[in-house]
Amino acid sequence: KFAEKYELRFDLLADPETDIADAFDVDASRGAAPRTTFVLADGE
């Protein structure tokens, strides 16, 4: 709904179980992740 409403062209990844947040050590224990951005390349 969000992507359609704003015509977003990149992937939005669903993380309701916080698996991705946990993998990146982003604290989503309160039900939402804080704004945090990672730049990744070369596997790091």
PDB file of all heavy atoms in Angstrom:
ATOM      1  N   LYS A   1       0.836  -1.211   0.000  1.00  0.00           N
ATOM      2  CA  LYS A   1       0.000   0.000   0.000  1.00  0.00           C
ATOM      3  C   LYS A   1       0.868   1.257   0.000  1.00  0.00           C
ATOM      4  O   LYS A   1       0.589   2.217  -0.722  1.00  0.00           O
ATOM      5  CB  LYS A   1      -0.925  -0.007   1.215  1.00  0.00           C
ATOM      6  CG  LYS A   1      -1.998  -1.062   1.149  1.00  0.00           C
ATOM      7  CD  LYS A   1      -2.811  -1.117   2.428  1.00  0.00           C
ATOM      8  CE  LYS A   1      -3.799  -2.262   2.373  1.00  0.00           C
ATOM      9  NZ  LYS A   1      -4.441  -2.491   3.677  1.00  0.00           N
ATOM     10  N   PHE A   2       1.923   1.250   0.814  1.00  0.00           N
ATOM     11  CA  PHE A   2       2.834   2.392   0.920  1.00  0.00           C
ATOM     12  C   PHE A   2       3.533   2.644  -0.417  1.00  0.00           C
ATOM     13  O   PHE A   2       3.566   3.775  -0.919  1.00  0.00           O
ATOM     14  CB  PHE A   2       3.840   2.100   2.038  1.00  0.00           C
ATOM     15  CG  PHE A   2       4.822   3.199   2.347  1.00  0.00           C
ATOM     16  CD1 PHE A   2       4.430   4.517   2.473  1.00  0.00           C
ATOM     17  CD2 PHE A   2       6.166   2.895   2.563  1.00  0.00           C
ATOM     18  CE1 PHE A   2       5.348   5.528   2.797  1.00  0.00           C
ATOM     19  CE2 PHE A   2       7.086   3.880   2.887  1.00  0.00           C
ATOM     20  CZ  PHE A   2       6.672   5.198   2.998  1.00  0.00           C
ATOM     21  N   ALA A   3       4.076   1.579  -1.013  1.00  0.00           N
ATOM     22  CA  ALA A   3       4.800   1.703  -2.282  1.00  0.00           C
ATOM     23  C   ALA A   3       3.873   2.173  -3.402  1.00  0.00           C
ATOM     24  O   ALA A   3       4.257   3.015  -4.227  1.00  0.00           O
ATOM     25  CB  ALA A   3       5.454   0.376  -2.653  1.00  0.00           C
ATOM     26  N   GLU A   4       2.654   1.650  -3.435  1.00  0.00           N
ATOM     27  CA  GLU A   4       1.710   2.064  -4.480  1.00  0.00           C
ATOM     28  C   GLU A   4       1.288   3.511  -4.296  1.00  0.00           C
ATOM     29  O   GLU A   4       1.223   4.275  -5.257  1.00  0.00           O
ATOM     30  CB  GLU A   4       0.487   1.146  -4.477  1.00  0.00           C
ATOM     31  CG  GLU A   4       0.765  -0.207  -5.083  1.00  0.00           C
ATOM     32  CD  GLU A   4      -0.444  -1.127  -5.085  1.00  0.00           C
ATOM     33  OE1 GLU A   4      -1.555  -0.705  -4.669  1.00  0.00           O
ATOM     34  OE2 GLU A   4      -0.269  -2.293  -5.486  1.00  0.00           O
ATOM     35  N   LYS A   5       1.004   3.905  -3.062  1.00  0.00           N
ATOM     36  CA  LYS A   5       0.536   5.264  -2.783  1.00  0.00           C
ATOM     37  C   LYS A   5       1.553   6.316  -3.228  1.00  0.00           C
ATOM     38  O   LYS A   5       1.193   7.353  -3.776  1.00  0.00           O
ATOM     39  CB  LYS A   5       0.248   5.410  -1.292  1.00  0.00           C
ATOM     40  CG  LYS A   5      -0.297   6.766  -0.898  1.00  0.00           C
ATOM     41  CD  LYS A   5      -0.680   6.795   0.582  1.00  0.00           C
ATOM     42  CE  LYS A   5      -1.244   8.143   0.988  1.00  0.00           C
ATOM     43  NZ  LYS A   5      -1.651   8.142   2.414  1.00  0.00           N
ATOM     44  N   TYR A   6       2.845   6.019  -3.000  1.00  0.00           N
ATOM     45  CA  TYR A   6       3.899   6.996  -3.315  1.00  0.00           C
ATOM     46  C   TYR A   6       4.724   6.613  -4.544  1.00  0.00           C
ATOM     47  O   TYR A   6       5.740   7.241  -4.822  1.00  0.00           O
ATOM     48  CB  TYR A   6       4.790   7.215  -2.089  1.00  0.00           C
ATOM     49  CG  TYR A   6       4.003   7.815  -0.956  1.00  0.00           C
ATOM     50  CD1 TYR A   6       3.550   7.016   0.085  1.00  0.00           C
ATOM     51  CD2 TYR A   6       3.663   9.168  -0.951  1.00  0.00           C
ATOM     52  CE1 TYR A   6       2.791   7.559   1.122  1.00  0.00           C
ATOM     53  CE2 TYR A   6       2.906   9.711   0.069  1.00  0.00           C
ATOM     54  CZ  TYR A   6       2.474   8.900   1.105  1.00  0.00           C
ATOM     55  OH  TYR A   6       1.714   9.435   2.112  1.00  0.00           O
ATOM     56  N   GLU A   7       4.289   5.561  -5.258  1.00  0.00           N
ATOM     57  CA  GLU A   7       4.944   5.104  -6.487  1.00  0.00           C
ATOM     58  C   GLU A   7       6.435   4.842  -6.268  1.00  0.00           C
ATOM     59  O   GLU A   7       7.282   5.254  -7.069  1.00  0.00           O
ATOM     60  CB  GLU A   7       4.710   6.107  -7.617  1.00  0.00           C
ATOM     61  CG  GLU A   7       3.244   6.274  -7.955  1.00  0.00           C
ATOM     62  CD  GLU A   7       2.969   7.287  -9.062  1.00  0.00           C
ATOM     63  OE1 GLU A   7       3.936   7.926  -9.548  1.00  0.00           O
ATOM     64  OE2 GLU A   7       1.799   7.430  -9.437  1.00  0.00           O
ATOM     65  N   LEU A   8       6.738   4.149  -5.181  1.00  0.00           N
ATOM     66  CA  LEU A   8       8.135   3.818  -4.856  1.00  0.00           C
ATOM     67  C   LEU A   8       8.619   2.701  -5.768  1.00  0.00           C
ATOM     68  O   LEU A   8       7.922   1.706  -5.977  1.00  0.00           O
ATOM     69  CB  LEU A   8       8.250   3.410  -3.389  1.00  0.00           C
ATOM     70  CG  LEU A   8       7.748   4.444  -2.381  1.00  0.00           C
ATOM     71  CD1 LEU A   8       7.827   3.882  -0.962  1.00  0.00           C
ATOM     72  CD2 LEU A   8       8.521   5.752  -2.503  1.00  0.00           C
ATOM     73  N   ARG A   9       9.827   2.856  -6.287  1.00  0.00           N
ATOM     74  CA  ARG A   9      10.354   1.916  -7.284  1.00  0.00           C
ATOM     75  C   ARG A   9      11.422   0.984  -6.743  1.00  0.00           C
ATOM     76  O   ARG A   9      12.003   0.209  -7.495  1.00  0.00           O
ATOM     77  CB  ARG A   9      10.912   2.696  -8.478  1.00  0.00           C
ATOM     78  CG  ARG A   9       9.859   3.540  -9.191  1.00  0.00           C
ATOM     79  CD  ARG A   9      10.482   4.497 -10.165  1.00  0.00           C
ATOM     80  NE  ARG A   9      11.233   5.508  -9.418  1.00  0.00           N
ATOM     81  CZ  ARG A   9      12.240   6.213  -9.913  1.00  0.00           C
ATOM     82  NH1 ARG A   9      12.639   6.026 -11.149  1.00  0.00           N
ATOM     83  NH2 ARG A   9      12.849   7.113  -9.181  1.00  0.00           N
ATOM     84  N   PHE A  10      11.731   1.055  -5.459  1.00  0.00           N
ATOM     85  CA  PHE A  10      12.733   0.160  -4.884  1.00  0.00           C
ATOM     86  C   PHE A  10      12.042  -0.793  -3.910  1.00  0.00           C
ATOM     87  O   PHE A  10      10.896  -0.564  -3.510  1.00  0.00           O
ATOM     88  CB  PHE A  10      13.858   0.941  -4.194  1.00  0.00           C
ATOM     89  CG  PHE A  10      13.400   1.877  -3.113  1.00  0.00           C
ATOM     90  CD1 PHE A  10      13.338   1.456  -1.792  1.00  0.00           C
ATOM     91  CD2 PHE A  10      13.030   3.179  -3.416  1.00  0.00           C
ATOM     92  CE1 PHE A  10      12.903   2.305  -0.793  1.00  0.00           C
ATOM     93  CE2 PHE A  10      12.606   4.047  -2.421  1.00  0.00           C
ATOM     94  CZ  PHE A  10      12.534   3.605  -1.104  1.00  0.00           C
ATOM     95  N   ASP A  11      12.732  -1.861  -3.550  1.00  0.00           N
ATOM     96  CA  ASP A  11      12.142  -2.877  -2.684  1.00  0.00           C
ATOM     97  C   ASP A  11      12.053  -2.409  -1.244  1.00  0.00           C
ATOM     98  O   ASP A  11      13.021  -1.883  -0.674  1.00  0.00           O
ATOM     99  CB  ASP A  11      12.976  -4.172  -2.723  1.00  0.00           C
ATOM    100  CG  ASP A  11      12.764  -4.963  -4.000  1.00  0.00           C
ATOM    101  OD1 ASP A  11      11.621  -4.992  -4.495  1.00  0.00           O
ATOM    102  OD2 ASP A  11      13.734  -5.560  -4.491  1.00  0.00           O
ATOM    103  N   LEU A  12      10.869  -2.633  -0.665  1.00  0.00           N
ATOM    104  CA  LEU A  12      10.654  -2.458   0.758  1.00  0.00           C
ATOM    105  C   LEU A  12      10.574  -3.868   1.342  1.00  0.00           C
ATOM    106  O   LEU A  12       9.751  -4.672   0.904  1.00  0.00           O
ATOM    107  CB  LEU A  12       9.354  -1.707   1.026  1.00  0.00           C
ATOM    108  CG  LEU A  12       9.250  -0.309   0.436  1.00  0.00           C
ATOM    109  CD1 LEU A  12       7.869   0.277   0.706  1.00  0.00           C
ATOM    110  CD2 LEU A  12      10.346   0.595   0.999  1.00  0.00           C
ATOM    111  N   LEU A  13      11.436  -4.163   2.291  1.00  0.00           N
ATOM    112  CA  LEU A  13      11.507  -5.499   2.861  1.00  0.00           C
ATOM    113  C   LEU A  13      10.719  -5.554   4.162  1.00  0.00           C
ATOM    114  O   LEU A  13      10.914  -4.740   5.067  1.00  0.00           O
ATOM    115  CB  LEU A  13      12.963  -5.893   3.105  1.00  0.00           C
ATOM    116  CG  LEU A  13      13.872  -5.819   1.868  1.00  0.00           C
ATOM    117  CD1 LEU A  13      15.289  -6.242   2.230  1.00  0.00           C
ATOM    118  CD2 LEU A  13      13.329  -6.678   0.735  1.00  0.00           C
ATOM    119  N   ALA A  14       9.832  -6.538   4.248  1.00  0.00           N
ATOM    120  CA  ALA A  14       8.999  -6.723   5.431  1.00  0.00           C
ATOM    121  C   ALA A  14       9.795  -7.473   6.497  1.00  0.00           C
ATOM    122  O   ALA A  14      10.371  -8.525   6.223  1.00  0.00           O
ATOM    123  CB  ALA A  14       7.742  -7.501   5.062  1.00  0.00           C
ATOM    124  N   ASP A  15       9.796  -6.917   7.704  1.00  0.00           N
ATOM    125  CA  ASP A  15      10.563  -7.524   8.803  1.00  0.00           C
ATOM    126  C   ASP A  15       9.727  -7.588  10.090  1.00  0.00           C
ATOM    127  O   ASP A  15      10.166  -7.148  11.153  1.00  0.00           O
ATOM    128  CB  ASP A  15      11.845  -6.711   9.024  1.00  0.00           C
ATOM    129  CG  ASP A  15      12.867  -7.424   9.892  1.00  0.00           C
ATOM    130  OD1 ASP A  15      12.849  -8.672   9.949  1.00  0.00           O
ATOM    131  OD2 ASP A  15      13.680  -6.731  10.528  1.00  0.00           O
ATOM    132  N   PRO A  16       8.501  -8.152  10.008  1.00  0.00           N
ATOM    133  CA  PRO A  16       7.636  -8.164  11.188  1.00  0.00           C
ATOM    134  C   PRO A  16       8.181  -8.989  12.352  1.00  0.00           C
ATOM    135  O   PRO A  16       7.862  -8.719  13.506  1.00  0.00           O
ATOM    136  CB  PRO A  16       6.307  -8.726  10.667  1.00  0.00           C
ATOM    137  CG  PRO A  16       6.667  -9.488   9.441  1.00  0.00           C
ATOM    138  CD  PRO A  16       7.858  -8.777   8.853  1.00  0.00           C
ATOM    139  N   GLU A  17       9.022  -9.964  12.046  1.00  0.00           N
ATOM    140  CA  GLU A  17       9.625 -10.791  13.107  1.00  0.00           C
ATOM    141  C   GLU A  17      10.978 -10.242  13.553  1.00  0.00           C
ATOM    142  O   GLU A  17      11.669 -10.870  14.360  1.00  0.00           O
ATOM    143  CB  GLU A  17       9.789 -12.240  12.623  1.00  0.00           C
ATOM    144  CG  GLU A  17       8.495 -12.887  12.150  1.00  0.00           C
ATOM    145  CD  GLU A  17       7.474 -13.009  13.255  1.00  0.00           C
ATOM    146  OE1 GLU A  17       7.857 -13.283  14.407  1.00  0.00           O
ATOM    147  OE2 GLU A  17       6.271 -12.801  12.964  1.00  0.00           O
ATOM    148  N   THR A  18      11.381  -9.130  13.014  1.00  0.00           N
ATOM    149  CA  THR A  18      12.648  -8.420  13.291  1.00  0.00           C
ATOM    150  C   THR A  18      13.896  -9.244  12.986  1.00  0.00           C
ATOM    151  O   THR A  18      14.954  -8.989  13.549  1.00  0.00           O
ATOM    152  CB  THR A  18      12.709  -7.857  14.740  1.00  0.00           C
ATOM    153  OG1 THR A  18      12.878  -8.904  15.681  1.00  0.00           O
ATOM    154  CG2 THR A  18      11.487  -7.013  15.074  1.00  0.00           C
ATOM    155  N   ASP A  19      13.795 -10.182  12.066  1.00  0.00           N
ATOM    156  CA  ASP A  19      14.969 -10.994  11.706  1.00  0.00           C
ATOM    157  C   ASP A  19      16.079 -10.147  11.092  1.00  0.00           C
ATOM    158  O   ASP A  19      17.258 -10.336  11.394  1.00  0.00           O
ATOM    159  CB  ASP A  19      14.581 -12.112  10.731  1.00  0.00           C
ATOM    160  CG  ASP A  19      13.649 -13.140  11.360  1.00  0.00           C
ATOM    161  OD1 ASP A  19      13.682 -13.299  12.599  1.00  0.00           O
ATOM    162  OD2 ASP A  19      12.883 -13.777  10.606  1.00  0.00           O
ATOM    163  N   ILE A  20      15.711  -9.219  10.200  1.00  0.00           N
ATOM    164  CA  ILE A  20      16.729  -8.384   9.566  1.00  0.00           C
ATOM    165  C   ILE A  20      17.292  -7.400  10.581  1.00  0.00           C
ATOM    166  O   ILE A  20      18.505  -7.213  10.679  1.00  0.00           O
ATOM    167  CB  ILE A  20      16.162  -7.641   8.334  1.00  0.00           C
ATOM    168  CG1 ILE A  20      15.624  -8.632   7.305  1.00  0.00           C
ATOM    169  CG2 ILE A  20      17.236  -6.760   7.699  1.00  0.00           C
ATOM    170  CD1 ILE A  20      14.879  -7.978   6.158  1.00  0.00           C
ATOM    171  N   ALA A  21      16.406  -6.773  11.346  1.00  0.00           N
ATOM    172  CA  ALA A  21      16.862  -5.848  12.394  1.00  0.00           C
ATOM    173  C   ALA A  21      17.823  -6.556  13.344  1.00  0.00           C
ATOM    174  O   ALA A  21      18.885  -6.017  13.679  1.00  0.00           O
ATOM    175  CB  ALA A  21      15.672  -5.266  13.150  1.00  0.00           C
ATOM    176  N   ASP A  22      17.476  -7.764  13.758  1.00  0.00           N
ATOM    177  CA  ASP A  22      18.348  -8.524  14.666  1.00  0.00           C
ATOM    178  C   ASP A  22      19.696  -8.823  14.015  1.00  0.00           C
ATOM    179  O   ASP A  22      20.737  -8.714  14.652  1.00  0.00           O
ATOM    180  CB  ASP A  22      17.678  -9.838  15.092  1.00  0.00           C
ATOM    181  CG  ASP A  22      16.452  -9.625  15.979  1.00  0.00           C
ATOM    182  OD1 ASP A  22      16.265  -8.501  16.497  1.00  0.00           O
ATOM    183  OD2 ASP A  22      15.668 -10.589  16.121  1.00  0.00           O
ATOM    184  N   ALA A  23      19.670  -9.173  12.734  1.00  0.00           N
ATOM    185  CA  ALA A  23      20.919  -9.499  12.025  1.00  0.00           C
ATOM    186  C   ALA A  23      21.859  -8.301  11.966  1.00  0.00           C
ATOM    187  O   ALA A  23      23.081  -8.453  11.971  1.00  0.00           O
ATOM    188  CB  ALA A  23      20.615 -10.001  10.613  1.00  0.00           C
ATOM    189  N   PHE A  24      21.274  -7.096  11.921  1.00  0.00           N
ATOM    190  CA  PHE A  24      22.082  -5.872  11.870  1.00  0.00           C
ATOM    191  C   PHE A  24      22.230  -5.201  13.237  1.00  0.00           C
ATOM    192  O   PHE A  24      22.735  -4.097  13.347  1.00  0.00           O
ATOM    193  CB  PHE A  24      21.471  -4.881  10.859  1.00  0.00           C
ATOM    194  CG  PHE A  24      21.817  -5.202   9.442  1.00  0.00           C
ATOM    195  CD1 PHE A  24      21.048  -6.091   8.705  1.00  0.00           C
ATOM    196  CD2 PHE A  24      22.934  -4.645   8.832  1.00  0.00           C
ATOM    197  CE1 PHE A  24      21.370  -6.405   7.395  1.00  0.00           C
ATOM    198  CE2 PHE A  24      23.266  -4.951   7.523  1.00  0.00           C
ATOM    199  CZ  PHE A  24      22.480  -5.835   6.798  1.00  0.00           C
ATOM    200  N   ASP A  25      21.781  -5.904  14.275  1.00  0.00           N
ATOM    201  CA  ASP A  25      21.825  -5.372  15.647  1.00  0.00           C
ATOM    202  C   ASP A  25      21.124  -4.025  15.769  1.00  0.00           C
ATOM    203  O   ASP A  25      21.576  -3.132  16.492  1.00  0.00           O
ATOM    204  CB  ASP A  25      23.272  -5.259  16.167  1.00  0.00           C
ATOM    205  CG  ASP A  25      23.901  -6.618  16.416  1.00  0.00           C
ATOM    206  OD1 ASP A  25      23.151  -7.583  16.669  1.00  0.00           O
ATOM    207  OD2 ASP A  25      25.132  -6.716  16.351  1.00  0.00           O
ATOM    208  N   VAL A  26      20.005  -3.882  15.070  1.00  0.00           N
ATOM    209  CA  VAL A  26      19.161  -2.688  15.185  1.00  0.00           C
ATOM    210  C   VAL A  26      18.042  -3.043  16.167  1.00  0.00           C
ATOM    211  O   VAL A  26      17.333  -4.031  15.971  1.00  0.00           O
ATOM    212  CB  VAL A  26      18.587  -2.277  13.808  1.00  0.00           C
ATOM    213  CG1 VAL A  26      17.566  -1.167  13.950  1.00  0.00           C
ATOM    214  CG2 VAL A  26      19.715  -1.856  12.882  1.00  0.00           C
ATOM    215  N   ASP A  27      17.882  -2.269  17.208  1.00  0.00           N
ATOM    216  CA  ASP A  27      16.927  -2.573  18.272  1.00  0.00           C
ATOM    217  C   ASP A  27      15.500  -2.261  17.837  1.00  0.00           C
ATOM    218  O   ASP A  27      15.079  -1.114  17.816  1.00  0.00           O
ATOM    219  CB  ASP A  27      17.279  -1.776  19.531  1.00  0.00           C
ATOM    220  CG  ASP A  27      16.343  -2.079  20.691  1.00  0.00           C
ATOM    221  OD1 ASP A  27      15.542  -3.042  20.585  1.00  0.00           O
ATOM    222  OD2 ASP A  27      16.405  -1.354  21.701  1.00  0.00           O
ATOM    223  N   ALA A  28      14.753  -3.302  17.498  1.00  0.00           N
ATOM    224  CA  ALA A  28      13.350  -3.143  17.126  1.00  0.00           C
ATOM    225  C   ALA A  28      12.453  -3.747  18.207  1.00  0.00           C
ATOM    226  O   ALA A  28      11.312  -4.120  17.944  1.00  0.00           O
ATOM    227  CB  ALA A  28      13.093  -3.804  15.776  1.00  0.00           C
ATOM    228  N   SER A  29      12.964  -3.828  19.431  1.00  0.00           N
ATOM    229  CA  SER A  29      12.236  -4.478  20.522  1.00  0.00           C
ATOM    230  C   SER A  29      10.949  -3.751  20.896  1.00  0.00           C
ATOM    231  O   SER A  29      10.055  -4.342  21.488  1.00  0.00           O
ATOM    232  CB  SER A  29      13.137  -4.623  21.753  1.00  0.00           C
ATOM    233  OG  SER A  29      13.535  -3.348  22.225  1.00  0.00           O
ATOM    234  N   ARG A  30      10.833  -2.497  20.521  1.00  0.00           N
ATOM    235  CA  ARG A  30       9.608  -1.739  20.817  1.00  0.00           C
ATOM    236  C   ARG A  30       8.620  -1.799  19.657  1.00  0.00           C
ATOM    237  O   ARG A  30       7.676  -1.014  19.603  1.00  0.00           O
ATOM    238  CB  ARG A  30       9.952  -0.298  21.148  1.00  0.00           C
ATOM    239  CG  ARG A  30      10.756  -0.199  22.423  1.00  0.00           C
ATOM    240  CD  ARG A  30      11.001   1.215  22.810  1.00  0.00           C
ATOM    241  NE  ARG A  30      11.740   1.242  24.073  1.00  0.00           N
ATOM    242  CZ  ARG A  30      12.385   2.276  24.521  1.00  0.00           C
ATOM    243  NH1 ARG A  30      12.408   3.394  23.820  1.00  0.00           N
ATOM    244  NH2 ARG A  30      13.008   2.220  25.669  1.00  0.00           N
ATOM    245  N   GLY A  31       8.860  -2.698  18.714  1.00  0.00           N
ATOM    246  CA  GLY A  31       7.928  -2.887  17.606  1.00  0.00           C
ATOM    247  C   GLY A  31       8.273  -2.137  16.339  1.00  0.00           C
ATOM    248  O   GLY A  31       7.637  -2.330  15.318  1.00  0.00           O
ATOM    249  N   ALA A  32       9.257  -1.251  16.410  1.00  0.00           N
ATOM    250  CA  ALA A  32       9.679  -0.504  15.226  1.00  0.00           C
ATOM    251  C   ALA A  32      11.183  -0.267  15.309  1.00  0.00           C
ATOM    252  O   ALA A  32      11.739  -0.105  16.397  1.00  0.00           O
ATOM    253  CB  ALA A  32       8.949   0.829  15.141  1.00  0.00           C
ATOM    254  N   ALA A  33      11.817  -0.258  14.161  1.00  0.00           N
ATOM    255  CA  ALA A  33      13.265  -0.011  14.112  1.00  0.00           C
ATOM    256  C   ALA A  33      13.520   1.488  14.067  1.00  0.00           C
ATOM    257  O   ALA A  33      12.798   2.223  13.392  1.00  0.00           O
ATOM    258  CB  ALA A  33      13.866  -0.674  12.874  1.00  0.00           C
ATOM    259  N   PRO A  34      14.556   1.951  14.751  1.00  0.00           N
ATOM    260  CA  PRO A  34      14.919   3.364  14.626  1.00  0.00           C
ATOM    261  C   PRO A  34      15.553   3.609  13.256  1.00  0.00           C
ATOM    262  O   PRO A  34      16.062   2.688  12.620  1.00  0.00           O
ATOM    263  CB  PRO A  34      15.938   3.564  15.749  1.00  0.00           C
ATOM    264  CG  PRO A  34      16.542   2.207  15.951  1.00  0.00           C
ATOM    265  CD  PRO A  34      15.443   1.225  15.657  1.00  0.00           C
ATOM    266  N   ARG A  35      15.514   4.857  12.807  1.00  0.00           N
ATOM    267  CA  ARG A  35      16.122   5.194  11.522  1.00  0.00           C
ATOM    268  C   ARG A  35      17.618   4.920  11.565  1.00  0.00           C
ATOM    269  O   ARG A  35      18.357   5.607  12.261  1.00  0.00           O
ATOM    270  CB  ARG A  35      15.906   6.669  11.223  1.00  0.00           C
ATOM    271  CG  ARG A  35      14.584   6.974  10.687  1.00  0.00           C
ATOM    272  CD  ARG A  35      14.475   8.443  10.319  1.00  0.00           C
ATOM    273  NE  ARG A  35      13.158   8.896  10.677  1.00  0.00           N
ATOM    274  CZ  ARG A  35      12.061   8.508  10.071  1.00  0.00           C
ATOM    275  NH1 ARG A  35      12.131   7.671   9.062  1.00  0.00           N
ATOM    276  NH2 ARG A  35      10.896   8.954  10.467  1.00  0.00           N
ATOM    277  N   THR A  36      18.024   3.928  10.812  1.00  0.00           N
ATOM    278  CA  THR A  36      19.425   3.534  10.741  1.00  0.00           C
ATOM    279  C   THR A  36      19.702   3.100   9.309  1.00  0.00           C
ATOM    280  O   THR A  36      18.918   2.352   8.731  1.00  0.00           O
ATOM    281  CB  THR A  36      19.719   2.347  11.686  1.00  0.00           C
ATOM    282  OG1 THR A  36      19.217   2.646  12.993  1.00  0.00           O
ATOM    283  CG2 THR A  36      21.199   2.042  11.754  1.00  0.00           C
ATOM    284  N   THR A  37      20.788   3.578   8.742  1.00  0.00           N
ATOM    285  CA  THR A  37      21.139   3.242   7.357  1.00  0.00           C
ATOM    286  C   THR A  37      22.509   2.599   7.311  1.00  0.00           C
ATOM    287  O   THR A  37      23.441   3.058   7.972  1.00  0.00           O
ATOM    288  CB  THR A  37      21.128   4.513   6.479  1.00  0.00           C
ATOM    289  OG1 THR A  37      19.817   5.076   6.505  1.00  0.00           O
ATOM    290  CG2 THR A  37      21.524   4.200   5.047  1.00  0.00           C
ATOM    291  N   PHE A  38      22.597   1.541   6.525  1.00  0.00           N
ATOM    292  CA  PHE A  38      23.859   0.833   6.317  1.00  0.00           C
ATOM    293  C   PHE A  38      24.263   0.944   4.855  1.00  0.00           C
ATOM    294  O   PHE A  38      23.436   0.760   3.965  1.00  0.00           O
ATOM    295  CB  PHE A  38      23.717  -0.652   6.671  1.00  0.00           C
ATOM    296  CG  PHE A  38      23.474  -0.901   8.124  1.00  0.00           C
ATOM    297  CD1 PHE A  38      22.188  -0.888   8.650  1.00  0.00           C
ATOM    298  CD2 PHE A  38      24.534  -1.140   8.987  1.00  0.00           C
ATOM    299  CE1 PHE A  38      21.960  -1.112   9.994  1.00  0.00           C
ATOM    300  CE2 PHE A  38      24.322  -1.363  10.340  1.00  0.00           C
ATOM    301  CZ  PHE A  38      23.023  -1.335  10.841  1.00  0.00           C
ATOM    302  N   VAL A  39      25.538   1.228   4.630  1.00  0.00           N
ATOM    303  CA  VAL A  39      26.130   1.137   3.306  1.00  0.00           C
ATOM    304  C   VAL A  39      26.962  -0.137   3.331  1.00  0.00           C
ATOM    305  O   VAL A  39      27.813  -0.315   4.213  1.00  0.00           O
ATOM    306  CB  VAL A  39      27.017   2.363   2.988  1.00  0.00           C
ATOM    307  CG1 VAL A  39      27.742   2.163   1.663  1.00  0.00           C
ATOM    308  CG2 VAL A  39      26.180   3.633   2.971  1.00  0.00           C
ATOM    309  N   LEU A  40      26.677  -1.019   2.382  1.00  0.00           N
ATOM    310  CA  LEU A  40      27.322  -2.333   2.347  1.00  0.00           C
ATOM    311  C   LEU A  40      27.952  -2.567   0.980  1.00  0.00           C
ATOM    312  O   LEU A  40      27.437  -2.113  -0.039  1.00  0.00           O
ATOM    313  CB  LEU A  40      26.283  -3.422   2.619  1.00  0.00           C
ATOM    314  CG  LEU A  40      25.521  -3.221   3.934  1.00  0.00           C
ATOM    315  CD1 LEU A  40      24.045  -3.338   3.710  1.00  0.00           C
ATOM    316  CD2 LEU A  40      26.009  -4.186   4.969  1.00  0.00           C
ATOM    317  N   ALA A  41      29.042  -3.292   0.969  1.00  0.00           N
ATOM    318  CA  ALA A  41      29.704  -3.713  -0.269  1.00  0.00           C
ATOM    319  C   ALA A  41      30.796  -4.693   0.111  1.00  0.00           C
ATOM    320  O   ALA A  41      31.266  -4.698   1.257  1.00  0.00           O
ATOM    321  CB  ALA A  41      30.295  -2.526  -1.021  1.00  0.00           C
ATOM    322  N   ASP A  42      31.194  -5.509  -0.838  1.00  0.00           N
ATOM    323  CA  ASP A  42      32.272  -6.479  -0.604  1.00  0.00           C
ATOM    324  C   ASP A  42      31.993  -7.350   0.612  1.00  0.00           C
ATOM    325  O   ASP A  42      32.916  -7.795   1.304  1.00  0.00           O
ATOM    326  CB  ASP A  42      33.629  -5.773  -0.443  1.00  0.00           C
ATOM    327  CG  ASP A  42      33.953  -4.872  -1.621  1.00  0.00           C
ATOM    328  OD1 ASP A  42      33.672  -5.292  -2.771  1.00  0.00           O
ATOM    329  OD2 ASP A  42      34.461  -3.760  -1.406  1.00  0.00           O
ATOM    330  N   GLY A  43      30.692  -7.569   0.914  1.00  0.00           N
ATOM    331  CA  GLY A  43      30.326  -8.440   2.021  1.00  0.00           C
ATOM    332  C   GLY A  43      30.556  -7.844   3.396  1.00  0.00           C
ATOM    333  O   GLY A  43      30.569  -8.567   4.388  1.00  0.00           O
ATOM    334  N   GLU A  44      30.722  -6.519   3.462  1.00  0.00           N
ATOM    335  CA  GLU A  44      30.926  -5.905   4.776  1.00  0.00           C
ATOM    336  C   GLU A  44      30.226  -4.556   4.890  1.00  0.00           C
ATOM    337  O   GLU A  44      29.810  -3.965   3.902  1.00  0.00           O
ATOM    338  CB  GLU A  44      32.407  -5.761   5.100  1.00  0.00           C
ATOM    339  CG  GLU A  44      33.140  -4.734   4.307  1.00  0.00           C
ATOM    340  CD  GLU A  44      34.608  -4.617   4.718  1.00  0.00           C
ATOM    341  OE1 GLU A  44      35.272  -5.659   4.900  1.00  0.00           O
ATOM    342  OE2 GLU A  44      35.082  -3.476   4.853  1.00  0.00           O
TER     343      GLU A  44
END
